[in-house]
Protein backbone atom coordinates (compact mmCIF):
# COMPACT_ATOMS: atom_id res chain seq x y z
CA MET A 1 0.00 0.00 0.00
CA LYS A 2 1.43 3.39 -1.00
CA VAL A 3 0.76 5.12 2.29
CA GLU A 4 2.08 8.44 0.97
CA LYS A 5 -1.12 8.69 -1.13
CA TYR A 6 -3.17 8.92 2.04
CA VAL A 7 -1.04 10.98 4.43
CA THR A 8 1.22 14.00 4.21
CA VAL A 9 3.42 13.78 7.26
CA GLY A 10 4.14 16.96 9.18
CA ASP A 11 7.65 17.99 10.20
CA TYR A 12 8.92 15.44 12.72
CA SER A 13 12.48 16.77 12.87
CA ASN A 14 11.80 19.17 15.74
CA LEU A 15 9.40 17.32 18.02
CA SER A 16 9.55 18.77 21.53
CA LEU A 17 8.51 16.88 24.67
CA SER A 18 8.34 17.78 28.34
CA LEU A 19 8.77 14.66 30.45
CA LYS A 20 10.21 13.74 33.81
CA ALA A 21 13.01 11.19 33.58
CA PRO A 22 12.05 7.74 34.91
CA LYS A 23 13.03 7.26 38.54
CA VAL A 24 12.22 5.03 41.50
CA ASP A 25 10.59 6.59 44.53
CA GLU A 26 12.52 5.58 47.67
CA ALA A 27 9.43 5.21 49.86
CA GLN A 28 7.66 3.06 47.26
CA TRP A 29 10.83 0.99 46.88
CA ASP A 30 11.05 0.28 50.63
CA GLU A 31 7.33 -0.46 50.84
CA LEU A 32 7.36 -2.92 47.94
CA LEU A 33 10.53 -4.63 49.19
CA LEU A 34 8.87 -5.37 52.52
CA ALA A 35 5.63 -6.43 50.82
CA VAL A 36 7.49 -8.88 48.54
CA TYR A 37 9.43 -10.32 51.46
CA ARG A 38 6.27 -10.68 53.53
CA SER A 39 4.40 -12.33 50.66
CA TYR A 40 6.62 -15.41 51.14
CA VAL A 41 6.18 -15.58 54.91
CA THR A 42 4.13 -18.54 56.11
CA GLU A 43 3.12 -20.00 59.46
CA ARG A 44 6.14 -22.28 59.29
CA ARG A 45 8.82 -19.86 58.16
CA GLY A 46 9.76 -16.24 58.16
CA GLY A 47 7.46 -14.91 60.89
CA VAL A 48 8.72 -13.21 64.05
CA ARG A 49 8.04 -15.30 67.18
CA ASP A 50 10.66 -14.23 69.71
CA ARG A 51 8.98 -11.12 71.10
CA ALA A 52 5.58 -9.84 72.15
CA VAL A 53 3.21 -7.85 69.95
CA GLU A 54 3.78 -4.08 69.92
CA GLU A 55 2.02 -1.01 68.52
CA GLY A 56 2.52 -0.83 64.75
CA ASP A 57 3.16 -4.55 64.31
CA THR A 58 1.29 -6.46 61.62
CA VAL A 59 0.20 -9.78 63.08
CA ASN A 60 -1.20 -12.95 61.59
CA ILE A 61 -4.10 -14.15 63.73
CA ASP A 62 -6.94 -16.64 64.04
CA TYR A 63 -10.04 -15.48 65.89
CA VAL A 64 -13.56 -16.50 66.84
CA GLY A 65 -16.10 -14.00 68.12
CA LYS A 66 -18.96 -15.23 70.32
CA LYS A 67 -22.08 -13.58 71.71
CA ASP A 68 -23.70 -15.41 74.61
CA GLY A 69 -21.39 -18.35 73.89
CA THR A 70 -22.42 -18.69 70.22
CA ALA A 71 -20.23 -17.68 67.27
CA PHE A 72 -21.79 -14.85 65.31
CA GLY A 73 -21.65 -14.29 61.57
CA GLY A 74 -18.59 -12.44 60.28
CA GLY A 75 -16.76 -12.84 63.59
CA THR A 76 -14.49 -15.74 62.64
CA ASP A 77 -11.36 -15.84 60.51
CA SER A 78 -8.03 -17.62 60.27
CA GLY A 79 -4.71 -16.36 58.92
CA ALA A 80 -6.00 -12.79 59.02
CA GLU A 81 -3.48 -9.94 58.96
CA LEU A 82 -4.04 -6.98 61.26
CA THR A 83 -1.85 -3.96 61.91
CA ILE A 84 -1.99 -2.96 65.56
CA GLY A 85 -3.14 0.64 65.79
CA SER A 86 -4.93 0.66 62.43
CA GLY A 87 -8.38 0.86 64.07
CA ARG A 88 -9.81 -1.80 61.77
CA PHE A 89 -11.42 -3.75 64.58
CA ILE A 90 -13.76 -2.65 67.35
CA PRO A 91 -12.29 -0.72 70.30
CA GLY A 92 -10.18 -2.90 72.58
CA PHE A 93 -9.41 -5.64 70.07
CA GLU A 94 -6.06 -4.34 68.89
CA GLU A 95 -5.12 -2.99 72.34
CA GLY A 96 -5.83 -6.44 73.77
CA LEU A 97 -3.19 -8.04 71.55
CA LYS A 98 -0.33 -5.86 72.75
CA GLY A 99 2.06 -7.88 74.87
CA VAL A 100 0.81 -11.22 73.56
CA MET A 101 3.51 -13.63 72.43
CA PRO A 102 3.18 -15.48 69.10
CA GLY A 103 1.62 -18.87 69.76
CA GLU A 104 -0.48 -17.58 72.66
CA THR A 105 -4.29 -17.45 72.72
CA VAL A 106 -6.23 -14.78 74.59
CA ASP A 107 -9.90 -14.08 75.28
CA LEU A 108 -10.87 -10.46 74.69
CA GLU A 109 -14.08 -9.39 76.45
CA LEU A 110 -15.32 -6.48 74.35
CA THR A 111 -18.45 -4.49 73.54
CA PHE A 112 -19.56 -3.47 70.08
CA PRO A 113 -20.24 0.27 69.66
CA GLU A 114 -23.87 1.34 70.00
CA THR A 115 -23.62 2.78 66.50
CA TYR A 116 -22.40 -0.47 64.91
CA ASP A 117 -24.15 -1.06 61.57
CA ASN A 118 -25.30 -4.59 62.50
CA ALA A 119 -28.31 -4.15 64.78
CA ASP A 120 -27.85 -7.64 66.31
CA LEU A 121 -24.37 -6.69 67.52
CA ALA A 122 -24.75 -2.97 68.25
CA GLY A 123 -23.94 -2.47 71.94
CA ALA A 124 -23.56 -6.23 72.48
CA ALA A 125 -21.02 -7.78 74.86
CA VAL A 126 -18.90 -10.39 73.05
CA VAL A 127 -15.79 -12.48 73.56
CA PHE A 128 -13.13 -12.80 70.89
CA THR A 129 -10.81 -15.78 71.27
CA VAL A 130 -7.66 -14.77 69.40
CA THR A 131 -4.50 -16.72 68.61
CA VAL A 132 -1.47 -14.76 67.47
CA ASN A 133 0.27 -17.02 64.96
CA TYR A 134 3.24 -14.76 64.28
CA ILE A 135 4.31 -11.18 63.78
CA MET A 136 5.01 -10.15 60.21
CA PRO A 137 8.68 -9.19 59.83
CA GLY A 138 9.67 -5.55 59.59
CA PRO A 139 12.63 -4.16 57.62
CA GLU A 140 14.96 -4.95 60.50
CA ASP A 141 13.80 -8.59 60.58
CA MET A 142 14.61 -9.49 56.96
CA GLU A 143 17.23 -12.23 56.70
CA ASP A 144 19.52 -13.42 53.90
CA GLY A 145 18.82 -17.08 54.73
CA PHE A 146 15.10 -16.63 54.19
CA VAL A 147 15.64 -14.82 50.89
CA ALA A 148 17.96 -17.57 49.64
CA GLU A 149 15.08 -20.06 49.89
CA LEU A 150 12.68 -18.05 47.73
CA SER A 151 13.79 -19.62 44.43
CA LEU A 152 14.08 -16.23 42.72
CA GLU A 153 16.72 -16.30 40.01
CA ASP A 154 20.00 -14.65 41.11
CA VAL A 155 18.40 -13.50 44.38
CA ASP A 156 20.18 -14.90 47.45
CA THR A 157 20.36 -12.01 49.91
CA VAL A 158 18.20 -9.17 51.16
CA GLU A 159 20.32 -6.80 49.10
CA ASP A 160 19.72 -8.96 46.01
CA LEU A 161 15.98 -8.79 46.70
CA ARG A 162 16.21 -5.04 47.08
CA GLN A 163 17.86 -4.81 43.65
CA TYR A 164 15.23 -7.18 42.21
CA VAL A 165 12.46 -4.86 43.44
CA TYR A 166 14.32 -1.80 42.16
CA ASP A 167 14.66 -3.33 38.69
CA TYR A 168 10.94 -4.08 38.64
CA LEU A 169 10.00 -0.54 39.62
CA MET A 170 12.48 1.00 37.18
CA GLU A 171 11.16 -1.13 34.34
CA ASN A 172 7.65 0.10 35.14
CA ALA A 173 8.87 3.70 35.33
CA GLN A 174 10.63 3.37 31.97
CA SER A 175 7.52 1.81 30.41
CA SER A 176 5.41 4.68 31.72
CA TYR A 177 7.98 7.19 30.41
CA ARG A 178 7.93 5.58 26.97
CA TYR A 179 4.13 5.47 26.94
CA SER A 180 3.96 9.19 27.76
CA ALA A 181 6.58 9.98 25.11
CA GLN A 182 4.71 7.98 22.47
CA ASN A 183 1.43 9.71 23.25
CA ALA A 184 3.02 13.17 23.12
CA ILE A 185 4.78 12.41 19.84
CA MET A 186 1.69 10.94 18.22
CA GLU A 187 -0.40 13.90 19.32
CA GLN A 188 2.04 16.29 17.62
CA LEU A 189 2.29 14.15 14.49
CA LEU A 190 -1.48 13.88 14.10
CA ALA A 191 -1.92 17.61 14.59
CA GLY A 192 0.69 18.43 11.96
CA SER A 193 -0.23 15.89 9.29
CA VAL A 194 -2.90 15.84 6.57
CA PHE A 195 -4.91 12.71 5.80
CA GLU A 196 -6.88 11.64 2.73
CA ASP A 197 -9.64 9.01 2.81
CA SER A 198 -7.99 5.58 2.89
CA PRO A 199 -9.43 2.46 1.20
CA GLU A 200 -12.38 0.93 3.00
CA SER A 201 -10.61 -2.44 3.12
CA PHE A 202 -7.77 -0.81 5.05
CA THR A 203 -10.07 0.57 7.75
CA ASP A 204 -12.10 -2.64 7.85
CA SER A 205 -9.02 -4.65 8.82
CA TYR A 206 -8.56 -2.43 11.88
CA LYS A 207 -12.25 -2.61 12.72
CA GLN A 208 -12.13 -6.40 12.81
CA SER A 209 -9.05 -6.39 15.01
CA VAL A 210 -10.61 -3.94 17.49
CA ARG A 211 -13.92 -5.81 17.42
CA ASN A 212 -12.19 -9.10 18.20
CA SER A 213 -10.34 -7.50 21.10
CA VAL A 214 -13.51 -5.96 22.55
CA GLU A 215 -15.47 -9.20 22.25
CA ARG A 216 -12.69 -11.15 23.93
CA MET A 217 -12.46 -8.74 26.89
CA ALA A 218 -16.23 -8.60 27.19
CA ALA A 219 -16.41 -12.40 27.30
CA GLU A 220 -13.74 -12.50 29.99
CA ASN A 221 -15.97 -10.21 32.07
CA ASN A 222 -19.14 -12.18 31.24
CA VAL A 223 -20.86 -9.19 29.64
CA SER A 224 -21.86 -8.17 26.13
CA ALA A 225 -19.60 -6.01 23.97
CA ASP A 226 -22.01 -3.07 24.29
CA VAL A 227 -22.10 -3.31 28.08
CA PHE A 228 -18.30 -3.50 28.20
CA THR A 229 -17.64 -0.45 26.00
CA ASN A 230 -20.43 1.60 27.60
CA TYR A 231 -18.98 0.93 31.05
CA PHE A 232 -15.36 1.73 30.17
CA TYR A 233 -15.72 4.24 27.33
CA GLY A 234 -19.26 5.59 27.50
CA VAL A 235 -20.26 4.50 23.96
CA ASP A 236 -21.71 1.37 22.35
CA SER A 237 -19.35 -1.19 20.87
CA GLU A 238 -19.82 -0.23 17.22
CA GLU A 239 -19.10 3.44 17.90
CA TYR A 240 -16.02 2.45 19.89
CA VAL A 241 -14.83 0.08 17.15
CA ASN A 242 -15.23 2.71 14.42
CA ALA A 243 -13.44 5.44 16.38
CA SER A 244 -10.62 3.16 17.51
CA ALA A 245 -10.12 1.70 14.04
CA GLU A 246 -9.91 5.17 12.49
CA ALA A 247 -7.39 6.31 15.11
CA GLN A 248 -5.24 3.19 14.74
CA GLY A 249 -5.32 3.42 10.97
CA LYS A 250 -4.14 7.04 10.98
CA GLN A 251 -1.37 6.30 13.46
CA GLU A 252 -0.01 3.40 11.45
CA LEU A 253 -0.23 5.32 8.19
CA LEU A 254 1.94 7.99 9.82
CA LEU A 255 4.46 5.55 11.22
CA GLN A 256 4.73 3.60 7.96
CA ALA A 257 5.26 6.81 6.00
CA ILE A 258 8.07 7.80 8.38
CA ALA A 259 9.53 4.30 8.16
CA ASN A 260 9.56 4.59 4.36
CA ALA A 261 11.19 8.03 4.49
CA GLU A 262 13.87 6.91 6.94
CA GLY A 263 14.47 3.45 5.49
CA LEU A 264 13.34 1.66 8.65
CA THR A 265 12.34 -1.97 8.19
CA VAL A 266 12.07 -5.23 10.12
CA GLY A 267 13.68 -8.02 8.12
CA ASP A 268 12.96 -11.73 8.51
CA GLU A 269 16.00 -12.44 10.69
CA GLU A 270 15.27 -9.51 12.98
CA LEU A 271 11.60 -10.50 13.15
CA ASP A 272 12.51 -14.05 14.22
CA LEU A 273 14.72 -12.73 17.03
CA LYS A 274 12.06 -10.29 18.21
CA LEU A 275 9.38 -12.97 18.15
CA GLU A 276 11.54 -15.25 20.30
CA GLU A 277 12.22 -12.45 22.79
CA TYR A 278 8.56 -11.44 22.87
CA ALA A 279 7.33 -15.02 23.39
CA LYS A 280 9.81 -15.61 26.22
CA LYS A 281 9.04 -12.36 28.00
CA ALA A 282 5.28 -12.84 27.68
CA GLY A 283 5.48 -16.42 28.97
CA TYR A 284 4.36 -18.20 25.81
CA GLU A 285 5.39 -21.84 25.38
CA SER A 286 6.78 -21.18 21.91
CA VAL A 287 6.77 -18.66 19.08
CA ASP A 288 4.12 -20.72 17.29
CA THR A 289 1.60 -20.01 20.06
CA LEU A 290 1.92 -16.30 19.29
CA PHE A 291 0.20 -16.84 15.96
CA GLU A 292 -3.03 -18.06 17.55
CA GLU A 293 -4.19 -14.43 17.73
CA PHE A 294 -2.05 -12.46 15.24
CA ASP A 295 -0.17 -13.59 12.14
CA ARG A 296 3.51 -13.10 11.37
CA GLU A 297 3.03 -9.96 9.29
CA GLU A 298 0.93 -8.32 11.98
CA TYR A 299 3.80 -8.84 14.41
CA ARG A 300 6.23 -7.45 11.84
CA ASN A 301 4.06 -4.34 11.62
CA TYR A 302 3.97 -4.07 15.42
CA PHE A 303 7.76 -4.24 15.71
CA MET A 304 8.16 -1.79 12.82
CA CYS A 305 5.96 0.71 14.66
CA GLU A 306 8.11 0.25 17.76
CA LYS A 307 11.24 0.89 15.71
CA VAL A 308 9.80 4.11 14.28
CA MET A 309 8.81 5.26 17.77
CA ASP A 310 12.33 4.51 19.03
CA PHE A 311 13.67 6.66 16.21
CA LEU A 312 11.30 9.53 16.96
CA ILE A 313 11.95 9.45 20.73
CA GLU A 314 15.70 9.32 20.17
CA ASN A 315 15.59 12.37 17.94
CA ALA A 316 13.05 14.41 19.90
CA ASP A 317 13.98 17.39 22.04
CA ILE A 318 13.03 16.14 25.51
CA LYS A 319 13.00 18.66 28.34
CA GLU A 320 12.78 17.36 31.91
């Protein structure tokens, strides 16, 4: 298809972007590190058991609440996590766990508030029998030996795990940066380019792709395509398909025209390498399974668009 017949590309030699460089927030880094470490803690390993519960601790507990000796609905749980001082439970519950050693069971004689939203329990005297299984480790409790047993590739120490979490957050930050750059570039390109009506068959191919995607996501949510698009986009499915197909078609016309002007292509050998990398990163069993949804040439087009975007981002004037 001679894309130059359908689009006159605006000047892309002086694209200007204002973006903040990707970075990892220290507080988020520390928070996620602890969350990842704690996600592997079980009743048998990793929990703190050599001291009593204190304010601010997150504890793993089993509890049964009884009114007049009978367990009431919603008052029983096992393996629940509770941060002491969070105020999640009725007054006295969290206070009553301070000083309790992991492995101990206590009876907490408490009274539900008069304003409690369950009329059967409002103002009622109850007894919670609570077992503290263990205290969730804090930053100071993380141990290299525990990390070494997590079966994470090349992660054997707490410091390794910290780097693992950093790499994850930085990859997300870089992806977000690239997404923002792509959107800004495309917005400028669309505003500065002139389009002619493209062949109906060209637009129809995009419509079918978008329609298939919408129907798949709608099915995954057990709703119709119209319900799905109305909920997320505020329009019926056909209106969404038409608008999305037109937008995608214009974007790819632009990128292909720039690829032609700059001599950017994705050859067979490069395509094979990219398909292998993509399949591995996305967790597919093999490259062949990639073609269950899109064919080889559709992937070639996808990687070509990425290459053009790389070119445009590399040559843009980016101000932080």
